[in-house]
Protein backbone atom coordinates (compact mmCIF):
# COMPACT_ATOMS: atom_id res chain seq x y z
CA MET A 1 33.83 -16.46 -34.57
CA ALA A 2 32.72 -20.04 -34.01
CA GLY A 3 35.16 -20.30 -31.14
CA ASP A 4 33.31 -17.53 -29.35
CA GLU A 5 30.06 -19.52 -29.21
CA PRO A 6 30.84 -21.56 -26.04
CA SER A 7 31.97 -18.38 -24.29
CA ARG A 8 28.75 -16.59 -25.30
CA ARG A 9 26.65 -19.49 -23.98
CA ARG A 10 28.55 -19.40 -20.66
CA ASN A 11 27.89 -15.67 -20.38
CA ASP A 12 24.20 -16.21 -21.13
CA ARG A 13 24.00 -18.85 -18.39
CA ALA A 14 25.67 -16.47 -15.96
CA LEU A 15 23.06 -13.82 -16.79
CA ASP A 16 20.32 -16.34 -16.02
CA GLU A 17 21.34 -16.21 -12.35
CA ASP A 18 20.62 -13.16 -10.24
CA VAL A 19 23.11 -11.35 -8.04
CA PRO A 20 22.42 -12.48 -4.45
CA MET A 21 22.00 -9.83 -1.78
CA PRO A 22 24.28 -10.07 1.27
CA ARG A 23 22.51 -10.89 4.53
CA GLN A 24 23.42 -11.20 8.16
CA ASP A 25 24.37 -14.73 9.20
CA PRO A 26 21.30 -16.48 10.73
CA LYS A 27 23.16 -17.30 13.95
CA GLU A 28 24.02 -13.65 14.44
CA ARG A 29 20.87 -11.93 13.20
CA VAL A 30 18.56 -13.95 15.45
CA LYS A 31 20.28 -12.18 18.35
CA ASN A 32 19.67 -8.63 17.14
CA PHE A 33 17.09 -6.35 15.52
CA LYS A 34 19.41 -4.95 12.85
CA GLU A 35 18.36 -5.17 9.22
CA VAL A 36 18.78 -8.71 7.86
CA ALA A 37 19.22 -7.86 4.17
CA LEU A 38 22.27 -5.62 3.79
CA GLY A 39 21.61 -4.21 0.32
CA TYR A 40 23.56 -4.21 -2.92
CA THR A 41 26.91 -2.54 -3.32
CA GLU A 42 27.23 -0.31 -6.39
CA GLU A 43 29.09 -3.09 -8.21
CA MET A 44 26.36 -5.61 -7.40
CA ALA A 45 23.58 -3.23 -8.45
CA VAL A 46 25.19 -2.51 -11.82
CA ALA A 47 25.77 -6.22 -12.45
CA GLU A 48 22.14 -7.03 -11.64
CA ALA A 49 20.85 -4.10 -13.71
CA ARG A 50 22.80 -5.34 -16.73
CA ARG A 51 20.71 -8.51 -16.67
CA CYS A 52 17.70 -6.47 -17.87
CA LEU A 53 16.83 -7.35 -21.47
CA LYS A 54 15.42 -3.87 -22.24
CA CYS A 55 12.27 -5.39 -23.70
CA LYS A 56 10.45 -3.33 -26.32
CA SER A 57 7.20 -4.17 -24.56
CA PRO A 58 8.20 -4.42 -20.86
CA GLN A 59 5.91 -6.81 -19.04
CA CYS A 60 7.45 -5.98 -15.65
CA GLN A 61 5.93 -2.51 -15.65
CA LYS A 62 2.45 -3.95 -16.19
CA GLY A 63 2.83 -5.82 -12.89
CA CYS A 64 3.62 -2.72 -10.82
CA PRO A 65 0.58 -1.39 -8.90
CA VAL A 66 2.12 2.09 -8.66
CA GLU A 67 3.24 2.27 -12.30
CA VAL A 68 6.98 2.75 -11.74
CA PRO A 69 8.93 3.09 -15.06
CA ILE A 70 11.02 0.02 -14.34
CA PRO A 71 13.17 -0.43 -17.49
CA GLN A 72 14.05 3.27 -17.50
CA PHE A 73 15.29 3.40 -13.90
CA ILE A 74 17.21 0.14 -14.35
CA ASP A 75 18.96 1.60 -17.40
CA CYS A 76 19.91 4.62 -15.30
CA ILE A 77 21.72 2.27 -12.92
CA VAL A 78 23.62 0.70 -15.82
CA GLN A 79 24.62 4.19 -17.01
CA GLY A 80 25.53 5.38 -13.50
CA ARG A 81 22.83 8.09 -13.58
CA TYR A 82 21.55 7.38 -10.08
CA GLU A 83 19.96 10.77 -9.40
CA GLU A 84 17.94 10.50 -12.59
CA GLY A 85 16.98 6.92 -11.74
CA ILE A 86 15.58 7.73 -8.30
CA ALA A 87 13.76 10.76 -9.75
CA LEU A 88 12.06 8.46 -12.26
CA ILE A 89 10.91 6.15 -9.46
CA LYS A 90 9.67 8.99 -7.26
CA SER A 91 7.67 10.47 -10.13
CA LYS A 92 5.34 7.52 -9.43
CA ASN A 93 6.28 6.17 -6.00
CA ALA A 94 6.95 8.35 -2.94
CA LEU A 95 8.09 5.37 -0.83
CA PRO A 96 10.86 3.59 -2.80
CA ALA A 97 12.97 2.64 0.22
CA VAL A 98 9.91 0.95 1.71
CA CYS A 99 8.87 -0.84 -1.49
CA GLY A 100 12.42 -1.98 -2.15
CA ARG A 101 12.33 -3.82 1.17
CA VAL A 102 8.81 -5.16 1.73
CA CYS A 103 7.00 -5.21 -1.63
CA PRO A 104 6.34 -8.79 -2.84
CA GLN A 105 7.98 -8.18 -6.22
CA GLU A 106 8.02 -11.90 -6.94
CA GLN A 107 4.21 -11.71 -7.23
CA GLN A 108 4.16 -8.40 -9.10
CA CYS A 109 6.73 -6.93 -11.47
CA GLN A 110 9.29 -9.73 -11.22
CA MET A 111 6.68 -12.38 -11.96
CA ASN A 112 6.27 -10.80 -15.40
CA CYS A 113 10.00 -10.39 -16.09
CA VAL A 114 10.95 -12.06 -19.40
CA ARG A 115 14.38 -12.96 -18.00
CA GLY A 116 12.58 -15.14 -15.46
CA LYS A 117 11.23 -17.47 -18.14
CA ARG A 118 14.62 -19.17 -18.42
CA GLY A 119 16.32 -18.27 -15.17
CA ASP A 120 16.03 -15.82 -12.31
CA PRO A 121 14.02 -12.65 -12.97
CA VAL A 122 15.78 -9.33 -12.57
CA ASN A 123 15.71 -8.30 -8.90
CA ILE A 124 13.74 -5.12 -9.47
CA GLY A 125 13.00 -4.54 -5.79
CA ARG A 126 16.64 -4.77 -4.78
CA LEU A 127 17.57 -2.27 -7.48
CA GLU A 128 14.84 0.09 -6.30
CA ARG A 129 16.21 -0.19 -2.77
CA PHE A 130 19.74 0.52 -4.05
CA LEU A 131 18.65 3.82 -5.61
CA ALA A 132 16.58 4.81 -2.57
CA ASP A 133 19.51 4.12 -0.24
CA TRP A 134 21.86 5.98 -2.58
CA GLU A 135 19.60 9.02 -2.43
CA ARG A 136 19.42 8.88 1.36
CA GLU A 137 23.22 9.01 1.51
CA HIS A 138 23.63 11.75 -1.12
CA GLY A 139 20.69 14.03 -0.32
CA VAL A 140 17.04 14.04 -1.27
CA ARG A 141 15.94 16.29 -4.13
CA VAL A 142 12.45 17.74 -3.62
CA PRO A 143 10.54 18.66 -6.79
CA GLU A 144 9.19 22.16 -7.21
CA ARG A 145 5.67 22.67 -5.96
CA PRO A 146 3.04 23.36 -8.61
CA ALA A 147 0.66 26.29 -8.50
CA ALA A 148 -2.05 25.79 -5.89
CA THR A 149 -5.46 24.76 -7.20
CA GLY A 150 -7.32 26.07 -4.17
CA ARG A 151 -8.86 22.64 -3.53
CA ARG A 152 -8.43 20.93 -0.16
CA VAL A 153 -8.37 17.20 0.57
CA ALA A 154 -8.48 15.51 3.99
CA ILE A 155 -6.77 12.12 4.14
CA ILE A 156 -7.42 9.87 7.11
CA GLY A 157 -4.51 7.58 7.95
CA ALA A 158 -0.80 8.14 7.32
CA GLY A 159 -0.05 4.57 6.29
CA PRO A 160 1.14 3.47 2.84
CA SER A 161 -2.15 4.23 1.08
CA GLY A 162 -2.64 7.62 2.72
CA LEU A 163 0.98 8.67 2.15
CA THR A 164 0.78 7.68 -1.51
CA ALA A 165 -2.45 9.57 -2.12
CA ALA A 166 -1.12 12.59 -0.21
CA SER A 167 2.03 12.67 -2.33
CA ASP A 168 0.19 12.41 -5.64
CA LEU A 169 -2.44 15.01 -4.75
CA ALA A 170 0.12 17.48 -3.41
CA ARG A 171 2.12 17.16 -6.63
CA LEU A 172 -1.05 18.07 -8.51
CA GLY A 173 -1.31 21.31 -6.54
CA HIS A 174 -4.07 20.41 -4.10
CA GLY A 175 -3.91 21.30 -0.44
CA VAL A 176 -3.59 18.07 1.57
CA THR A 177 -4.12 17.53 5.30
CA LEU A 178 -3.07 14.10 6.52
CA PHE A 179 -4.73 13.04 9.79
CA GLU A 180 -3.01 10.25 11.76
CA ALA A 181 -4.45 8.71 14.94
CA LEU A 182 -1.09 7.56 16.33
CA HIS A 183 1.75 9.73 17.63
CA VAL A 184 3.91 8.87 14.65
CA ALA A 185 3.17 8.58 10.92
CA GLY A 186 3.67 5.45 8.82
CA GLY A 187 0.81 3.22 9.90
CA VAL A 188 1.57 -0.46 9.45
CA LEU A 189 5.05 0.45 8.22
CA MET A 190 5.82 1.64 11.76
CA TYR A 191 3.78 -0.64 14.01
CA GLY A 192 3.44 -3.80 11.94
CA ILE A 193 6.79 -4.54 10.27
CA PRO A 194 9.84 -5.37 12.40
CA GLU A 195 12.96 -3.23 12.51
CA PHE A 196 15.05 -6.03 10.99
CA ARG A 197 12.88 -5.96 7.84
CA LEU A 198 12.11 -2.24 7.66
CA PRO A 199 14.11 0.17 9.86
CA LYS A 200 11.91 2.85 11.35
CA GLU A 201 14.39 5.61 10.48
CA ILE A 202 13.87 4.78 6.80
CA VAL A 203 10.09 5.01 7.14
CA GLN A 204 10.37 8.42 8.77
CA ARG A 205 12.65 9.66 5.99
CA GLU A 206 9.94 8.69 3.51
CA VAL A 207 7.31 10.49 5.61
CA GLU A 208 9.51 13.61 5.70
CA TYR A 209 9.72 13.53 1.92
CA VAL A 210 5.92 13.46 1.63
CA GLN A 211 5.73 16.40 4.06
CA SER A 212 8.29 18.31 1.97
CA LEU A 213 5.80 18.24 -0.91
CA GLY A 214 3.56 20.53 1.15
CA VAL A 215 1.44 17.95 2.97
CA ASP A 216 0.16 19.09 6.39
CA LEU A 217 0.62 16.12 8.75
CA ARG A 218 -1.42 16.14 11.96
CA LEU A 219 -0.58 13.43 14.48
CA GLY A 220 -2.75 12.18 17.32
CA ASN A 221 -5.95 13.04 15.42
CA VAL A 222 -8.59 10.32 15.63
CA ILE A 223 -11.20 11.04 12.99
CA GLY A 224 -14.56 9.98 14.33
CA ARG A 225 -13.66 11.53 17.68
CA ILE A 226 -12.12 14.98 17.06
CA ALA A 227 -14.26 15.38 13.95
CA THR A 228 -16.49 13.21 11.79
CA ILE A 229 -16.24 13.00 8.01
CA PRO A 230 -19.37 15.17 7.51
CA GLU A 231 -17.77 17.74 9.81
CA LEU A 232 -14.55 17.73 7.76
CA LEU A 233 -16.57 18.49 4.63
CA GLU A 234 -18.34 21.29 6.50
CA GLN A 235 -14.94 22.71 7.49
CA GLY A 236 -14.13 23.36 3.84
CA TYR A 237 -12.47 20.19 2.62
CA ASP A 238 -13.58 19.42 -0.93
CA ALA A 239 -12.93 15.67 -0.65
CA VAL A 240 -12.04 13.09 1.98
CA TYR A 241 -9.99 9.93 1.48
CA ILE A 242 -10.38 7.23 4.13
CA ALA A 243 -7.16 5.20 4.34
CA SER A 244 -7.34 4.11 7.96
CA GLY A 245 -6.24 0.52 7.35
CA ALA A 246 -7.31 -2.66 9.09
CA GLY A 247 -6.19 -2.56 12.70
CA LEU A 248 -8.85 -4.62 14.46
CA PRO A 249 -7.55 -8.15 15.22
CA GLN A 250 -9.42 -11.35 14.49
CA TRP A 251 -9.51 -14.11 17.09
CA THR A 252 -9.94 -17.88 17.01
CA GLY A 253 -12.99 -17.86 19.29
CA CYS A 254 -11.68 -20.90 21.17
CA PRO A 255 -12.35 -21.36 24.91
CA GLY A 256 -9.61 -19.90 27.09
CA GLU A 257 -8.54 -17.24 24.59
CA ASN A 258 -8.79 -14.55 27.30
CA LEU A 259 -5.94 -16.09 29.34
CA GLY A 260 -2.81 -14.12 30.06
CA GLY A 261 -0.01 -14.67 27.57
CA ILE A 262 -2.31 -14.78 24.54
CA TYR A 263 -1.69 -11.80 22.28
CA SER A 264 -3.25 -10.61 19.09
CA ALA A 265 -0.61 -10.06 16.46
CA ASN A 266 -1.57 -6.36 16.45
CA GLU A 267 -0.84 -5.83 20.14
CA PHE A 268 2.34 -7.89 19.99
CA LEU A 269 3.70 -6.01 16.97
CA ILE A 270 2.71 -2.56 18.26
CA ARG A 271 4.49 -3.23 21.54
CA ALA A 272 7.58 -4.65 19.85
CA ASN A 273 7.86 -2.26 16.89
CA LEU A 274 6.23 1.09 17.57
CA MET A 275 6.81 1.06 21.34
CA LYS A 276 10.16 -0.80 21.08
CA ALA A 277 9.33 -3.14 23.95
CA TYR A 278 12.23 -5.36 22.88
CA ARG A 279 14.49 -2.75 24.54
CA PHE A 280 12.76 -3.09 27.94
CA PRO A 281 13.70 -1.89 30.56
CA GLU A 282 15.49 0.76 28.47
CA THR A 283 11.99 1.66 27.28
CA ASP A 284 9.00 1.71 29.62
CA THR A 285 6.86 -0.71 27.58
CA PRO A 286 7.16 -4.35 28.70
CA LEU A 287 6.49 -7.33 26.45
CA ARG A 288 6.25 -10.48 28.50
CA ILE A 289 6.76 -13.68 26.55
CA GLY A 290 7.76 -17.09 27.80
CA LYS A 291 10.22 -19.68 26.55
CA HIS A 292 7.76 -21.60 24.34
CA VAL A 293 5.82 -19.43 21.89
CA VAL A 294 3.16 -20.67 19.49
CA VAL A 295 2.20 -18.42 16.58
CA ILE A 296 -1.14 -19.26 14.97
CA GLY A 297 -1.29 -18.30 11.29
CA GLY A 298 0.82 -18.53 8.14
CA GLY A 299 1.10 -15.08 6.59
CA ASN A 300 3.82 -12.45 6.68
CA VAL A 301 2.41 -11.09 9.95
CA ALA A 302 2.77 -14.53 11.54
CA MET A 303 6.37 -14.76 10.31
CA ASP A 304 7.15 -11.34 11.75
CA CYS A 305 5.73 -12.33 15.14
CA ALA A 306 7.71 -15.57 15.10
CA ARG A 307 10.99 -13.90 14.16
CA ILE A 308 10.60 -11.21 16.84
CA SER A 309 9.89 -13.91 19.45
CA MET A 310 13.03 -15.80 18.50
CA ARG A 311 15.06 -12.62 18.90
CA LEU A 312 13.60 -12.30 22.38
CA GLY A 313 15.03 -15.71 23.24
CA ALA A 314 12.01 -18.00 22.80
CA LYS A 315 11.64 -21.31 21.01
CA VAL A 316 8.90 -20.74 18.46
CA CYS A 317 6.48 -23.06 16.70
CA LEU A 318 4.23 -21.89 13.88
CA ASN A 319 0.86 -23.65 13.79
CA TYR A 320 -0.92 -23.41 10.42
CA ARG A 321 -4.12 -25.18 9.50
CA ARG A 322 -3.10 -25.90 5.90
CA SER A 323 0.08 -27.46 4.48
CA ARG A 324 3.41 -25.85 3.63
CA ASN A 325 2.29 -25.50 0.01
CA GLU A 326 -0.54 -23.15 1.04
CA LEU A 327 1.54 -20.88 3.30
CA PRO A 328 0.63 -17.33 2.21
CA ALA A 329 3.82 -15.72 3.52
CA ARG A 330 6.55 -14.70 1.09
CA ARG A 331 9.01 -17.52 0.36
CA GLU A 332 11.87 -15.26 1.41
CA GLU A 333 10.32 -14.66 4.82
CA ILE A 334 9.63 -18.36 5.36
CA GLU A 335 13.23 -19.23 4.49
CA ASN A 336 14.60 -16.49 6.75
CA ALA A 337 12.44 -17.64 9.66
CA GLU A 338 13.42 -21.29 9.30
CA GLU A 339 17.09 -20.38 9.01
CA GLU A 340 16.70 -18.57 12.33
CA GLY A 341 15.22 -21.64 14.04
CA LEU A 342 11.46 -21.57 13.44
CA THR A 343 9.64 -24.91 13.70
CA CYS A 344 6.50 -25.30 11.57
CA ASN A 345 3.56 -27.49 12.57
CA PHE A 346 1.13 -27.87 9.66
CA LEU A 347 -2.45 -29.12 9.26
CA ASN A 348 -3.79 -28.31 12.70
CA ALA A 349 -6.01 -25.66 14.26
CA PRO A 350 -6.46 -24.50 17.88
CA ALA A 351 -9.43 -25.90 19.77
CA GLU A 352 -8.94 -24.78 23.39
CA PHE A 353 -6.43 -23.00 25.62
CA TYR A 354 -5.60 -24.11 29.19
CA GLY A 355 -4.33 -21.86 31.97
CA ASP A 356 -2.34 -22.28 35.17
CA GLU A 357 -3.38 -21.20 38.66
CA LYS A 358 -2.29 -17.63 37.92
CA GLY A 359 -4.44 -17.36 34.80
CA TRP A 360 -1.54 -17.62 32.37
CA VAL A 361 -1.73 -19.91 29.35
CA ARG A 362 0.15 -23.19 29.89
CA ALA A 363 -1.04 -25.44 27.05
CA MET A 364 -3.34 -25.64 24.07
CA ARG A 365 -5.40 -28.39 22.48
CA CYS A 366 -5.23 -28.66 18.72
CA THR A 367 -7.26 -30.54 16.14
CA CYS A 368 -5.59 -32.13 13.11
CA MET A 369 -6.92 -30.97 9.75
CA GLU A 370 -7.01 -32.35 6.23
CA LEU A 371 -7.17 -30.52 2.92
CA THR A 372 -10.32 -30.49 0.81
CA GLU A 373 -11.14 -29.34 -2.70
CA PRO A 374 -10.50 -25.66 -3.54
CA ASP A 375 -13.41 -23.22 -3.14
CA GLU A 376 -14.78 -20.90 -5.82
CA ARG A 377 -11.80 -18.57 -5.29
CA GLY A 378 -9.38 -21.43 -5.84
CA ARG A 379 -8.26 -21.61 -2.21
CA THR A 380 -7.81 -25.09 -0.76
CA GLY A 381 -10.28 -25.85 2.00
CA VAL A 382 -9.70 -27.70 5.28
CA ARG A 383 -11.79 -29.85 7.58
CA PRO A 384 -11.10 -31.39 11.00
CA ILE A 385 -10.16 -35.03 11.37
CA ALA A 386 -12.30 -36.85 13.93
CA CYS A 387 -10.61 -38.02 17.14
CA SER A 388 -7.32 -36.35 16.18
CA ASP A 389 -6.88 -33.84 19.02
CA PHE A 390 -3.52 -33.43 20.69
CA GLU A 391 -2.05 -31.07 23.30
CA MET A 392 1.09 -28.99 23.24
CA GLU A 393 2.73 -26.97 25.99
CA THR A 394 3.09 -23.22 25.54
CA ASP A 395 3.45 -20.19 27.76
CA THR A 396 2.77 -17.60 25.05
CA VAL A 397 0.39 -17.64 22.07
CA ILE A 398 0.24 -15.05 19.31
CA VAL A 399 -2.87 -15.09 17.13
CA ALA A 400 -2.04 -13.89 13.61
CA ILE A 401 -5.04 -14.91 11.53
CA GLY A 402 -6.05 -11.56 10.07
CA GLN A 403 -7.36 -8.07 10.77
CA THR A 404 -10.47 -6.07 9.90
CA PRO A 405 -11.04 -2.30 9.87
CA ASN A 406 -11.64 -0.44 13.11
CA PRO A 407 -15.32 0.60 12.87
CA ILE A 408 -15.05 4.09 14.39
CA ILE A 409 -15.25 5.95 11.06
CA GLN A 410 -18.02 3.77 9.70
CA ARG A 411 -20.08 4.26 12.85
CA THR A 412 -19.73 8.04 12.80
CA THR A 413 -20.50 8.51 9.09
CA GLU A 414 -24.22 8.18 8.52
CA GLY A 415 -25.19 6.44 5.30
CA LEU A 416 -21.71 5.15 4.43
CA ARG A 417 -22.10 1.71 2.81
CA THR A 418 -20.04 -1.04 4.39
CA ASN A 419 -19.74 -4.80 4.13
CA PRO A 420 -21.77 -6.26 7.03
CA ARG A 421 -19.51 -9.31 7.17
CA ASN A 422 -16.19 -7.60 7.91
CA GLY A 423 -16.84 -3.86 8.16
CA THR A 424 -14.87 -2.90 5.06
CA ILE A 425 -16.07 0.20 3.20
CA ILE A 426 -17.71 -0.53 -0.15
CA VAL A 427 -16.07 1.37 -3.02
CA ASP A 428 -15.93 1.25 -6.81
CA GLU A 429 -12.74 0.51 -8.73
CA ASP A 430 -11.54 4.10 -8.28
CA GLY A 431 -12.20 4.29 -4.56
CA ARG A 432 -15.49 6.20 -4.68
CA THR A 433 -17.92 5.48 -1.86
CA ASN A 434 -21.68 6.04 -2.06
CA LEU A 435 -21.24 9.48 -0.45
CA GLU A 436 -20.34 12.49 -2.58
CA GLY A 437 -16.77 13.63 -2.08
CA VAL A 438 -15.88 10.66 0.12
CA PHE A 439 -13.37 8.08 -1.09
CA ALA A 440 -11.75 5.07 0.57
CA GLY A 441 -8.96 2.65 -0.26
CA GLY A 442 -6.35 0.23 0.99
CA ASP A 443 -7.06 -2.22 3.79
CA VAL A 444 -10.13 -0.33 5.00
CA ALA A 445 -11.79 -1.24 1.70
CA THR A 446 -10.19 -4.61 0.89
CA GLY A 447 -9.37 -6.06 4.28
CA ALA A 448 -5.77 -6.75 5.28
CA ALA A 449 -3.52 -6.98 2.21
CA THR A 450 -0.01 -6.00 1.13
CA VAL A 451 1.69 -2.63 1.45
CA ILE A 452 1.99 -2.28 -2.32
CA SER A 453 -1.68 -3.06 -2.95
CA ALA A 454 -2.59 -0.30 -0.48
CA MET A 455 -0.24 2.05 -2.28
CA GLY A 456 -1.78 1.11 -5.60
CA ALA A 457 -5.21 1.95 -4.19
CA GLY A 458 -3.87 5.29 -2.97
CA LYS A 459 -2.57 6.13 -6.44
CA ARG A 460 -5.79 5.12 -8.24
CA THR A 461 -7.93 7.02 -5.76
CA ALA A 462 -5.75 10.13 -5.93
CA ARG A 463 -6.35 10.15 -9.68
CA ALA A 464 -10.11 9.84 -9.12
CA ILE A 465 -10.09 12.58 -6.47
CA HIS A 466 -8.22 14.90 -8.84
CA GLU A 467 -10.85 14.24 -11.51
CA TYR A 468 -13.60 14.89 -8.96
CA LEU A 469 -12.00 18.15 -7.87
CA THR A 470 -11.63 19.44 -11.40
CA THR A 471 -14.61 18.00 -13.28
CA GLY A 472 -16.87 16.74 -10.52
CA PRO A 473 -20.60 17.30 -10.05
CA ARG A 474 -20.51 20.60 -8.15
CA GLY A 475 -21.09 23.63 -10.30
CA ASP A 476 -18.21 25.66 -8.84
CA ARG A 477 -15.57 23.35 -10.34
CA THR A 478 -13.78 24.27 -13.50
């Protein structure tokens, strides 16, 4: 038996390393909009799933905002019970193909993985994607609908938070109407995330699944214009959930920001993703960018803008006012972008934009910055360095420094408490606003955040709405 010890140690070391996911070659993928990450084969998925330690007290599950039974679905992969595995996931998460692609698992479930204390954590997100993709190929099983409760809920916004809440409430037997302002459902999943990270066909399959649960989806309905929230309650809805996201761009405020060729990240991404301007003139939506693009910002949105621009043939520089260590984007996205040719320019901030005779941006002046002590939230501060300005040529600028909620709902709902600084709706931990029967969650309450955090808010709020509908303050509830 002693002779088996070196072999056992070698096997343990092998299990410390995760199974890498195949990807398109950087030189090829930067020329197309096809999905970069190609997904696990069945053999790869089983090998990765076998790395799970089957902990008696699984820490990974505690890190999942939507409460997916992680060890159980991973064990299903090991056993080859894929239909059971995806059913386990969808008992908690209606959007597994989305989460398996864009959820920052490294900051959530995988961060808590015990395997990660000595080596690589189990790639939970990739395994979730494997099961979701398997189901898409083999047919989606829709659960039986429960008996109707007779209660009706209006949900505003068919993004990740609204879709999650709609799914959970429908599975509890409530009648759900999902109002979406755009001509297609999905919210930021459709307009904000590029095709090469999240194919739009996959998003629409997830939306169709939510509809199959009995959710009534109404597109092109701008709440605050076709009806206000008080009017929805008067129409017979017992509760309203505001999940309209954060679609209003923030700007630098620098002189010259109104020049041609300066986009907000929102406009740029909507044109490129939802309106597929990258196919122009095949589509009728143009997206004019030059040869030298500067993206201002350092989050995932900034990386998406940069990677789209490179696919459109531009040389791209990312300008971020802090250092590489403070970049908020996912490590994976930073690495992908740099492999594709992104140049990063740290510790500087825009000061002024200069235009040519036609009113198109031609250059920008930047100020060098230095780091200061962290603030009360622990975030490193920055301050300008005197006499450090420099200029750089550019013919396109994309401003990706954050978004705030569109104020249309807040302005048409009398008495709704909001944050005067950024327009977010003030809620308690379960999504309750100060108005009876009105709830809010996701980016409209927190400001721009991740897809999974919005989904987590949708799940928590759906639970609170169900409680309100069944045990709430009105006397006609039982």
